[in-house]
Amino acid sequence: MRKYEAMFIVKPDVEEERRNELISKFKSIIETNGEVENIDEWGIRKLAYEINKYKEGYYVLMNFKSGADLPKELERNFRIADEVIRYMVINVEEK
């Protein structure tokens, strides 16, 4: 299993209940074929540049372990979710 880090930004005007549903949905996708190590919700922060007329976003960082196929599935789900305005999944190399 490899270590990965997924960061995604949710639109700031999404209700808290819907945002929690999204986070638990992505968590369950990871748990089907991997292991969630940590979920860190940074909250609403200013974006570096405007994205789709949004100047702020709700940042969520997930650290997880999984096989090589799971990040592609996770990215596919990020792409489908209308509430997610940006996402990134990277492989964290161990030192």
PDB file of N, CA and C in Angstrom:
ATOM      1  N   MET A   1       0.839  -1.192   0.000  1.00  0.00           N
ATOM      2  CA  MET A   1       0.000   0.000   0.000  1.00  0.00           C
ATOM      3  C   MET A   1       0.882   1.254   0.000  1.00  0.00           C
ATOM      4  N   ARG A   2       0.434   2.241  -0.741  1.00  0.00           N
ATOM      5  CA  ARG A   2       1.145   3.508  -0.825  1.00  0.00           C
ATOM      6  C   ARG A   2       0.404   4.561  -0.015  1.00  0.00           C
ATOM      7  N   LYS A   3       1.146   5.588   0.393  1.00  0.00           N
ATOM      8  CA  LYS A   3       0.545   6.704   1.114  1.00  0.00           C
ATOM      9  C   LYS A   3       0.173   7.802   0.134  1.00  0.00           C
ATOM     10  N   TYR A   4      -1.030   8.351   0.313  1.00  0.00           N
ATOM     11  CA  TYR A   4      -1.512   9.423  -0.542  1.00  0.00           C
ATOM     12  C   TYR A   4      -2.058  10.564   0.303  1.00  0.00           C
ATOM     13  N   GLU A   5      -2.140  11.721  -0.337  1.00  0.00           N
ATOM     14  CA  GLU A   5      -2.712  12.894   0.290  1.00  0.00           C
ATOM     15  C   GLU A   5      -3.687  13.496  -0.715  1.00  0.00           C
ATOM     16  N   ALA A   6      -4.914  13.697  -0.300  1.00  0.00           N
ATOM     17  CA  ALA A   6      -5.937  14.292  -1.168  1.00  0.00           C
ATOM     18  C   ALA A   6      -6.395  15.605  -0.549  1.00  0.00           C
ATOM     19  N   MET A   7      -6.330  16.659  -1.341  1.00  0.00           N
ATOM     20  CA  MET A   7      -6.812  17.972  -0.910  1.00  0.00           C
ATOM     21  C   MET A   7      -7.934  18.357  -1.857  1.00  0.00           C
ATOM     22  N   PHE A   8      -9.062  18.769  -1.300  1.00  0.00           N
ATOM     23  CA  PHE A   8     -10.130  19.274  -2.159  1.00  0.00           C
ATOM     24  C   PHE A   8     -10.764  20.500  -1.533  1.00  0.00           C
ATOM     25  N   ILE A   9     -11.307  21.344  -2.413  1.00  0.00           N
ATOM     26  CA  ILE A   9     -11.918  22.604  -1.983  1.00  0.00           C
ATOM     27  C   ILE A   9     -13.396  22.570  -2.367  1.00  0.00           C
ATOM     28  N   VAL A  10     -14.233  22.765  -1.365  1.00  0.00           N
ATOM     29  CA  VAL A  10     -15.685  22.769  -1.557  1.00  0.00           C
ATOM     30  C   VAL A  10     -16.146  24.223  -1.639  1.00  0.00           C
ATOM     31  N   LYS A  11     -17.169  24.471  -2.450  1.00  0.00           N
ATOM     32  CA  LYS A  11     -17.724  25.819  -2.569  1.00  0.00           C
ATOM     33  C   LYS A  11     -18.109  26.337  -1.182  1.00  0.00           C
ATOM     34  N   PRO A  12     -17.835  27.605  -0.888  1.00  0.00           N
ATOM     35  CA  PRO A  12     -18.101  28.133   0.463  1.00  0.00           C
ATOM     36  C   PRO A  12     -19.580  28.254   0.808  1.00  0.00           C
ATOM     37  N   ASP A  13     -20.462  28.300  -0.202  1.00  0.00           N
ATOM     38  CA  ASP A  13     -21.886  28.473   0.081  1.00  0.00           C
ATOM     39  C   ASP A  13     -22.640  27.151   0.245  1.00  0.00           C
ATOM     40  N   VAL A  14     -21.922  26.027   0.256  1.00  0.00           N
ATOM     41  CA  VAL A  14     -22.555  24.719   0.470  1.00  0.00           C
ATOM     42  C   VAL A  14     -22.910  24.588   1.956  1.00  0.00           C
ATOM     43  N   GLU A  15     -24.103  24.093   2.224  1.00  0.00           N
ATOM     44  CA  GLU A  15     -24.541  23.917   3.616  1.00  0.00           C
ATOM     45  C   GLU A  15     -23.659  22.918   4.340  1.00  0.00           C
ATOM     46  N   GLU A  16     -23.538  23.096   5.653  1.00  0.00           N
ATOM     47  CA  GLU A  16     -22.673  22.238   6.464  1.00  0.00           C
ATOM     48  C   GLU A  16     -23.071  20.763   6.364  1.00  0.00           C
ATOM     49  N   GLU A  17     -24.363  20.490   6.365  1.00  0.00           N
ATOM     50  CA  GLU A  17     -24.855  19.107   6.282  1.00  0.00           C
ATOM     51  C   GLU A  17     -24.417  18.447   4.971  1.00  0.00           C
ATOM     52  N   ARG A  18     -24.572  19.156   3.865  1.00  0.00           N
ATOM     53  CA  ARG A  18     -24.183  18.621   2.549  1.00  0.00           C
ATOM     54  C   ARG A  18     -22.666  18.453   2.471  1.00  0.00           C
ATOM     55  N   ARG A  19     -21.924  19.385   3.044  1.00  0.00           N
ATOM     56  CA  ARG A  19     -20.462  19.300   3.060  1.00  0.00           C
ATOM     57  C   ARG A  19     -20.002  18.068   3.841  1.00  0.00           C
ATOM     58  N   ASN A  20     -20.638  17.799   4.978  1.00  0.00           N
ATOM     59  CA  ASN A  20     -20.304  16.612   5.771  1.00  0.00           C
ATOM     60  C   ASN A  20     -20.642  15.327   5.016  1.00  0.00           C
ATOM     61  N   GLU A  21     -21.746  15.349   4.251  1.00  0.00           N
ATOM     62  CA  GLU A  21     -22.098  14.189   3.418  1.00  0.00           C
ATOM     63  C   GLU A  21     -21.017  13.922   2.375  1.00  0.00           C
ATOM     64  N   LEU A  22     -20.523  14.989   1.751  1.00  0.00           N
ATOM     65  CA  LEU A  22     -19.462  14.846   0.747  1.00  0.00           C
ATOM     66  C   LEU A  22     -18.202  14.250   1.356  1.00  0.00           C
ATOM     67  N   ILE A  23     -17.807  14.773   2.504  1.00  0.00           N
ATOM     68  CA  ILE A  23     -16.593  14.289   3.165  1.00  0.00           C
ATOM     69  C   ILE A  23     -16.738  12.818   3.535  1.00  0.00           C
ATOM     70  N   SER A  24     -17.897  12.437   4.072  1.00  0.00           N
ATOM     71  CA  SER A  24     -18.096  11.031   4.435  1.00  0.00           C
ATOM     72  C   SER A  24     -18.186  10.141   3.198  1.00  0.00           C
ATOM     73  N   LYS A  25     -18.708  10.677   2.082  1.00  0.00           N
ATOM     74  CA  LYS A  25     -18.761   9.917   0.833  1.00  0.00           C
ATOM     75  C   LYS A  25     -17.343   9.604   0.345  1.00  0.00           C
ATOM     76  N   PHE A  26     -16.487  10.631   0.325  1.00  0.00           N
ATOM     77  CA  PHE A  26     -15.109  10.420  -0.118  1.00  0.00           C
ATOM     78  C   PHE A  26     -14.349   9.505   0.843  1.00  0.00           C
ATOM     79  N   LYS A  27     -14.646   9.633   2.127  1.00  0.00           N
ATOM     80  CA  LYS A  27     -14.021   8.760   3.126  1.00  0.00           C
ATOM     81  C   LYS A  27     -14.423   7.310   2.892  1.00  0.00           C
ATOM     82  N   SER A  28     -15.695   7.061   2.606  1.00  0.00           N
ATOM     83  CA  SER A  28     -16.154   5.681   2.383  1.00  0.00           C
ATOM     84  C   SER A  28     -15.559   5.096   1.104  1.00  0.00           C
ATOM     85  N   ILE A  29     -15.347   5.939   0.083  1.00  0.00           N
ATOM     86  CA  ILE A  29     -14.697   5.460  -1.144  1.00  0.00           C
ATOM     87  C   ILE A  29     -13.293   4.966  -0.828  1.00  0.00           C
ATOM     88  N   ILE A  30     -12.587   5.719  -0.002  1.00  0.00           N
ATOM     89  CA  ILE A  30     -11.228   5.316   0.383  1.00  0.00           C
ATOM     90  C   ILE A  30     -11.265   4.044   1.219  1.00  0.00           C
ATOM     91  N   GLU A  31     -12.204   3.949   2.151  1.00  0.00           N
ATOM     92  CA  GLU A  31     -12.257   2.802   3.057  1.00  0.00           C
ATOM     93  C   GLU A  31     -12.621   1.490   2.368  1.00  0.00           C
ATOM     94  N   THR A  32     -13.232   1.553   1.172  1.00  0.00           N
ATOM     95  CA  THR A  32     -13.566   0.315   0.466  1.00  0.00           C
ATOM     96  C   THR A  32     -12.318  -0.446   0.037  1.00  0.00           C
ATOM     97  N   ASN A  33     -11.259   0.274  -0.360  1.00  0.00           N
ATOM     98  CA  ASN A  33     -10.042  -0.388  -0.836  1.00  0.00           C
ATOM     99  C   ASN A  33      -8.781   0.122  -0.153  1.00  0.00           C
ATOM    100  N   GLY A  34      -8.941   0.879   0.908  1.00  0.00           N
ATOM    101  CA  GLY A  34      -7.762   1.432   1.572  1.00  0.00           C
ATOM    102  C   GLY A  34      -8.037   1.742   3.023  1.00  0.00           C
ATOM    103  N   GLU A  35      -7.235   2.662   3.539  1.00  0.00           N
ATOM    104  CA  GLU A  35      -7.316   2.985   4.965  1.00  0.00           C
ATOM    105  C   GLU A  35      -7.113   4.487   5.142  1.00  0.00           C
ATOM    106  N   VAL A  36      -8.083   5.164   5.758  1.00  0.00           N
ATOM    107  CA  VAL A  36      -7.981   6.596   6.023  1.00  0.00           C
ATOM    108  C   VAL A  36      -7.127   6.792   7.269  1.00  0.00           C
ATOM    109  N   GLU A  37      -6.079   7.604   7.146  1.00  0.00           N
ATOM    110  CA  GLU A  37      -5.215   7.876   8.292  1.00  0.00           C
ATOM    111  C   GLU A  37      -5.653   9.121   9.047  1.00  0.00           C
ATOM    112  N   ASN A  38      -6.040  10.169   8.274  1.00  0.00           N
ATOM    113  CA  ASN A  38      -6.370  11.433   8.910  1.00  0.00           C
ATOM    114  C   ASN A  38      -7.257  12.270   7.981  1.00  0.00           C
ATOM    115  N   ILE A  39      -8.222  12.972   8.567  1.00  0.00           N
ATOM    116  CA  ILE A  39      -9.021  13.947   7.824  1.00  0.00           C
ATOM    117  C   ILE A  39      -8.898  15.266   8.567  1.00  0.00           C
ATOM    118  N   ASP A  40      -8.375  16.266   7.867  1.00  0.00           N
ATOM    119  CA  ASP A  40      -8.138  17.572   8.474  1.00  0.00           C
ATOM    120  C   ASP A  40      -8.964  18.613   7.732  1.00  0.00           C
ATOM    121  N   GLU A  41      -9.969  19.167   8.400  1.00  0.00           N
ATOM    122  CA  GLU A  41     -10.801  20.199   7.793  1.00  0.00           C
ATOM    123  C   GLU A  41     -10.223  21.557   8.171  1.00  0.00           C
ATOM    124  N   TRP A  42      -9.735  22.277   7.179  1.00  0.00           N
ATOM    125  CA  TRP A  42      -9.116  23.585   7.411  1.00  0.00           C
ATOM    126  C   TRP A  42     -10.139  24.695   7.518  1.00  0.00           C
ATOM    127  N   GLY A  43     -11.330  24.456   7.005  1.00  0.00           N
ATOM    128  CA  GLY A  43     -12.370  25.473   7.060  1.00  0.00           C
ATOM    129  C   GLY A  43     -12.318  26.400   5.861  1.00  0.00           C
ATOM    130  N   ILE A  44     -13.041  27.504   5.959  1.00  0.00           N
ATOM    131  CA  ILE A  44     -13.107  28.452   4.844  1.00  0.00           C
ATOM    132  C   ILE A  44     -11.857  29.329   4.847  1.00  0.00           C
ATOM    133  N   ARG A  45     -11.190  29.330   3.684  1.00  0.00           N
ATOM    134  CA  ARG A  45      -9.983  30.129   3.508  1.00  0.00           C
ATOM    135  C   ARG A  45     -10.065  30.864   2.179  1.00  0.00           C
ATOM    136  N   LYS A  46      -9.298  31.921   2.099  1.00  0.00           N
ATOM    137  CA  LYS A  46      -9.242  32.697   0.867  1.00  0.00           C
ATOM    138  C   LYS A  46      -8.460  31.918  -0.183  1.00  0.00           C
ATOM    139  N   LEU A  47      -8.970  31.898  -1.414  1.00  0.00           N
ATOM    140  CA  LEU A  47      -8.286  31.224  -2.511  1.00  0.00           C
ATOM    141  C   LEU A  47      -7.157  32.119  -3.027  1.00  0.00           C
ATOM    142  N   ALA A  48      -6.135  31.512  -3.610  1.00  0.00           N
ATOM    143  CA  ALA A  48      -5.026  32.269  -4.174  1.00  0.00           C
ATOM    144  C   ALA A  48      -5.486  33.101  -5.368  1.00  0.00           C
ATOM    145  N   TYR A  49      -6.452  32.576  -6.098  1.00  0.00           N
ATOM    146  CA  TYR A  49      -7.028  33.300  -7.231  1.00  0.00           C
ATOM    147  C   TYR A  49      -8.493  32.887  -7.356  1.00  0.00           C
ATOM    148  N   GLU A  50      -9.279  33.699  -8.013  1.00  0.00           N
ATOM    149  CA  GLU A  50     -10.707  33.454  -8.146  1.00  0.00           C
ATOM    150  C   GLU A  50     -10.972  32.230  -9.027  1.00  0.00           C
ATOM    151  N   ILE A  51     -11.839  31.334  -8.557  1.00  0.00           N
ATOM    152  CA  ILE A  51     -12.222  30.134  -9.307  1.00  0.00           C
ATOM    153  C   ILE A  51     -13.742  30.141  -9.435  1.00  0.00           C
ATOM    154  N   ASN A  52     -14.229  30.183 -10.666  1.00  0.00           N
ATOM    155  CA  ASN A  52     -15.679  30.188 -10.922  1.00  0.00           C
ATOM    156  C   ASN A  52     -16.410  31.244 -10.088  1.00  0.00           C
ATOM    157  N   LYS A  53     -15.839  32.429 -10.007  1.00  0.00           N
ATOM    158  CA  LYS A  53     -16.383  33.578  -9.277  1.00  0.00           C
ATOM    159  C   LYS A  53     -16.389  33.393  -7.760  1.00  0.00           C
ATOM    160  N   TYR A  54     -15.651  32.415  -7.250  1.00  0.00           N
ATOM    161  CA  TYR A  54     -15.504  32.221  -5.803  1.00  0.00           C
ATOM    162  C   TYR A  54     -14.142  32.730  -5.363  1.00  0.00           C
ATOM    163  N   LYS A  55     -14.125  33.489  -4.271  1.00  0.00           N
ATOM    164  CA  LYS A  55     -12.870  34.007  -3.734  1.00  0.00           C
ATOM    165  C   LYS A  55     -12.447  33.244  -2.484  1.00  0.00           C
ATOM    166  N   GLU A  56     -13.357  32.413  -1.972  1.00  0.00           N
ATOM    167  CA  GLU A  56     -13.080  31.594  -0.789  1.00  0.00           C
ATOM    168  C   GLU A  56     -13.528  30.170  -1.060  1.00  0.00           C
ATOM    169  N   GLY A  57     -13.015  29.236  -0.249  1.00  0.00           N
ATOM    170  CA  GLY A  57     -13.419  27.846  -0.365  1.00  0.00           C
ATOM    171  C   GLY A  57     -13.196  27.122   0.948  1.00  0.00           C
ATOM    172  N   TYR A  58     -13.870  26.003   1.115  1.00  0.00           N
ATOM    173  CA  TYR A  58     -13.743  25.173   2.319  1.00  0.00           C
ATOM    174  C   TYR A  58     -12.734  24.070   2.012  1.00  0.00           C
ATOM    175  N   TYR A  59     -11.572  24.129   2.656  1.00  0.00           N
ATOM    176  CA  TYR A  59     -10.475  23.202   2.385  1.00  0.00           C
ATOM    177  C   TYR A  59     -10.573  21.941   3.253  1.00  0.00           C
ATOM    178  N   VAL A  60     -10.342  20.785   2.632  1.00  0.00           N
ATOM    179  CA  VAL A  60     -10.316  19.515   3.356  1.00  0.00           C
ATOM    180  C   VAL A  60      -9.093  18.730   2.887  1.00  0.00           C
ATOM    181  N   LEU A  61      -8.311  18.219   3.834  1.00  0.00           N
ATOM    182  CA  LEU A  61      -7.124  17.430   3.540  1.00  0.00           C
ATOM    183  C   LEU A  61      -7.316  16.025   4.097  1.00  0.00           C
ATOM    184  N   MET A  62      -7.120  15.005   3.255  1.00  0.00           N
ATOM    185  CA  MET A  62      -7.248  13.610   3.686  1.00  0.00           C
ATOM    186  C   MET A  62      -5.929  12.877   3.432  1.00  0.00           C
ATOM    187  N   ASN A  63      -5.436  12.191   4.443  1.00  0.00           N
ATOM    188  CA  ASN A  63      -4.269  11.327   4.279  1.00  0.00           C
ATOM    189  C   ASN A  63      -4.761   9.895   4.326  1.00  0.00           C
ATOM    190  N   PHE A  64      -4.296   9.068   3.376  1.00  0.00           N
ATOM    191  CA  PHE A  64      -4.767   7.688   3.331  1.00  0.00           C
ATOM    192  C   PHE A  64      -3.737   6.775   2.697  1.00  0.00           C
ATOM    193  N   LYS A  65      -3.942   5.474   2.929  1.00  0.00           N
ATOM    194  CA  LYS A  65      -3.125   4.427   2.316  1.00  0.00           C
ATOM    195  C   LYS A  65      -4.030   3.602   1.410  1.00  0.00           C
ATOM    196  N   SER A  66      -3.505   3.258   0.240  1.00  0.00           N
ATOM    197  CA  SER A  66      -4.300   2.423  -0.668  1.00  0.00           C
ATOM    198  C   SER A  66      -3.420   1.886  -1.777  1.00  0.00           C
ATOM    199  N   GLY A  67      -4.053   1.070  -2.635  1.00  0.00           N
ATOM    200  CA  GLY A  67      -3.381   0.586  -3.828  1.00  0.00           C
ATOM    201  C   GLY A  67      -3.328   1.686  -4.874  1.00  0.00           C
ATOM    202  N   ALA A  68      -2.730   1.385  -6.012  1.00  0.00           N
ATOM    203  CA  ALA A  68      -2.507   2.389  -7.053  1.00  0.00           C
ATOM    204  C   ALA A  68      -3.784   2.790  -7.809  1.00  0.00           C
ATOM    205  N   ASP A  69      -4.842   1.983  -7.767  1.00  0.00           N
ATOM    206  CA  ASP A  69      -6.053   2.274  -8.535  1.00  0.00           C
ATOM    207  C   ASP A  69      -7.007   3.258  -7.847  1.00  0.00           C
ATOM    208  N   LEU A  70      -6.965   3.316  -6.532  1.00  0.00           N
ATOM    209  CA  LEU A  70      -7.922   4.134  -5.780  1.00  0.00           C
ATOM    210  C   LEU A  70      -7.842   5.632  -6.072  1.00  0.00           C
ATOM    211  N   PRO A  71      -6.659   6.233  -6.210  1.00  0.00           N
ATOM    212  CA  PRO A  71      -6.630   7.676  -6.499  1.00  0.00           C
ATOM    213  C   PRO A  71      -7.369   8.066  -7.777  1.00  0.00           C
ATOM    214  N   LYS A  72      -7.332   7.236  -8.793  1.00  0.00           N
ATOM    215  CA  LYS A  72      -8.060   7.531 -10.030  1.00  0.00           C
ATOM    216  C   LYS A  72      -9.564   7.531  -9.779  1.00  0.00           C
ATOM    217  N   GLU A  73     -10.047   6.570  -9.012  1.00  0.00           N
ATOM    218  CA  GLU A  73     -11.474   6.498  -8.670  1.00  0.00           C
ATOM    219  C   GLU A  73     -11.886   7.701  -7.827  1.00  0.00           C
ATOM    220  N   LEU A  74     -11.023   8.091  -6.884  1.00  0.00           N
ATOM    221  CA  LEU A  74     -11.305   9.243  -6.038  1.00  0.00           C
ATOM    222  C   LEU A  74     -11.364  10.524  -6.873  1.00  0.00           C
ATOM    223  N   GLU A  75     -10.424  10.701  -7.791  1.00  0.00           N
ATOM    224  CA  GLU A  75     -10.424  11.871  -8.667  1.00  0.00           C
ATOM    225  C   GLU A  75     -11.670  11.907  -9.553  1.00  0.00           C
ATOM    226  N   ARG A  76     -12.112  10.746 -10.005  1.00  0.00           N
ATOM    227  CA  ARG A  76     -13.327  10.669 -10.815  1.00  0.00           C
ATOM    228  C   ARG A  76     -14.524  11.179 -10.012  1.00  0.00           C
ATOM    229  N   ASN A  77     -14.599  10.795  -8.737  1.00  0.00           N
ATOM    230  CA  ASN A  77     -15.701  11.246  -7.880  1.00  0.00           C
ATOM    231  C   ASN A  77     -15.597  12.732  -7.552  1.00  0.00           C
ATOM    232  N   PHE A  78     -14.371  13.245  -7.385  1.00  0.00           N
ATOM    233  CA  PHE A  78     -14.196  14.687  -7.184  1.00  0.00           C
ATOM    234  C   PHE A  78     -14.714  15.445  -8.403  1.00  0.00           C
ATOM    235  N   ARG A  79     -14.395  14.935  -9.586  1.00  0.00           N
ATOM    236  CA  ARG A  79     -14.789  15.581 -10.839  1.00  0.00           C
ATOM    237  C   ARG A  79     -16.311  15.611 -10.991  1.00  0.00           C
ATOM    238  N   ILE A  80     -16.982  14.552 -10.555  1.00  0.00           N
ATOM    239  CA  ILE A  80     -18.438  14.450 -10.680  1.00  0.00           C
ATOM    240  C   ILE A  80     -19.160  15.387  -9.708  1.00  0.00           C
ATOM    241  N   ALA A  81     -18.608  15.570  -8.510  1.00  0.00           N
ATOM    242  CA  ALA A  81     -19.269  16.382  -7.476  1.00  0.00           C
ATOM    243  C   ALA A  81     -19.271  17.857  -7.870  1.00  0.00           C
ATOM    244  N   ASP A  82     -20.451  18.425  -8.028  1.00  0.00           N
ATOM    245  CA  ASP A  82     -20.586  19.827  -8.425  1.00  0.00           C
ATOM    246  C   ASP A  82     -20.086  20.788  -7.348  1.00  0.00           C
ATOM    247  N   GLU A  83     -20.132  20.359  -6.096  1.00  0.00           N
ATOM    248  CA  GLU A  83     -19.732  21.236  -4.993  1.00  0.00           C
ATOM    249  C   GLU A  83     -18.218  21.401  -4.876  1.00  0.00           C
ATOM    250  N   VAL A  84     -17.452  20.496  -5.462  1.00  0.00           N
ATOM    251  CA  VAL A  84     -15.985  20.553  -5.382  1.00  0.00           C
ATOM    252  C   VAL A  84     -15.477  21.439  -6.521  1.00  0.00           C
ATOM    253  N   ILE A  85     -14.720  22.502  -6.155  1.00  0.00           N
ATOM    254  CA  ILE A  85     -14.225  23.403  -7.196  1.00  0.00           C
ATOM    255  C   ILE A  85     -12.773  23.109  -7.586  1.00  0.00           C
ATOM    256  N   ARG A  86     -11.995  22.493  -6.710  1.00  0.00           N
ATOM    257  CA  ARG A  86     -10.630  22.075  -7.033  1.00  0.00           C
ATOM    258  C   ARG A  86     -10.278  20.850  -6.192  1.00  0.00           C
ATOM    259  N   TYR A  87      -9.381  20.020  -6.735  1.00  0.00           N
ATOM    260  CA  TYR A  87      -8.918  18.851  -5.996  1.00  0.00           C
ATOM    261  C   TYR A  87      -7.530  18.468  -6.475  1.00  0.00           C
ATOM    262  N   MET A  88      -6.821  17.719  -5.626  1.00  0.00           N
ATOM    263  CA  MET A  88      -5.498  17.219  -5.996  1.00  0.00           C
ATOM    264  C   MET A  88      -5.213  15.988  -5.136  1.00  0.00           C
ATOM    265  N   VAL A  89      -4.741  14.932  -5.777  1.00  0.00           N
ATOM    266  CA  VAL A  89      -4.336  13.724  -5.063  1.00  0.00           C
ATOM    267  C   VAL A  89      -2.871  13.475  -5.416  1.00  0.00           C
ATOM    268  N   ILE A  90      -2.029  13.381  -4.393  1.00  0.00           N
ATOM    269  CA  ILE A  90      -0.606  13.146  -4.638  1.00  0.00           C
ATOM    270  C   ILE A  90      -0.120  11.941  -3.841  1.00  0.00           C
ATOM    271  N   ASN A  91       0.930  11.329  -4.355  1.00  0.00           N
ATOM    272  CA  ASN A  91       1.591  10.223  -3.683  1.00  0.00           C
ATOM    273  C   ASN A  91       2.621  10.814  -2.730  1.00  0.00           C
ATOM    274  N   VAL A  92       2.539  10.481  -1.447  1.00  0.00           N
ATOM    275  CA  VAL A  92       3.463  10.993  -0.452  1.00  0.00           C
ATOM    276  C   VAL A  92       4.595   9.980  -0.299  1.00  0.00           C
ATOM    277  N   GLU A  93       5.801  10.404  -0.675  1.00  0.00           N
ATOM    278  CA  GLU A  93       6.940   9.494  -0.574  1.00  0.00           C
ATOM    279  C   GLU A  93       7.470   9.479   0.848  1.00  0.00           C
ATOM    280  N   GLU A  94       7.784   8.294   1.311  1.00  0.00           N
ATOM    281  CA  GLU A  94       8.335   8.158   2.656  1.00  0.00           C
ATOM    282  C   GLU A  94       9.832   8.360   2.608  1.00  0.00           C
ATOM    283  N   LYS A  95      10.363   9.011   3.652  1.00  0.00           N
ATOM    284  CA  LYS A  95      11.801   9.298   3.701  1.00  0.00           C
ATOM    285  C   LYS A  95      12.508   8.402   4.675  1.00  0.00           C
TER     286      LYS A  95
END
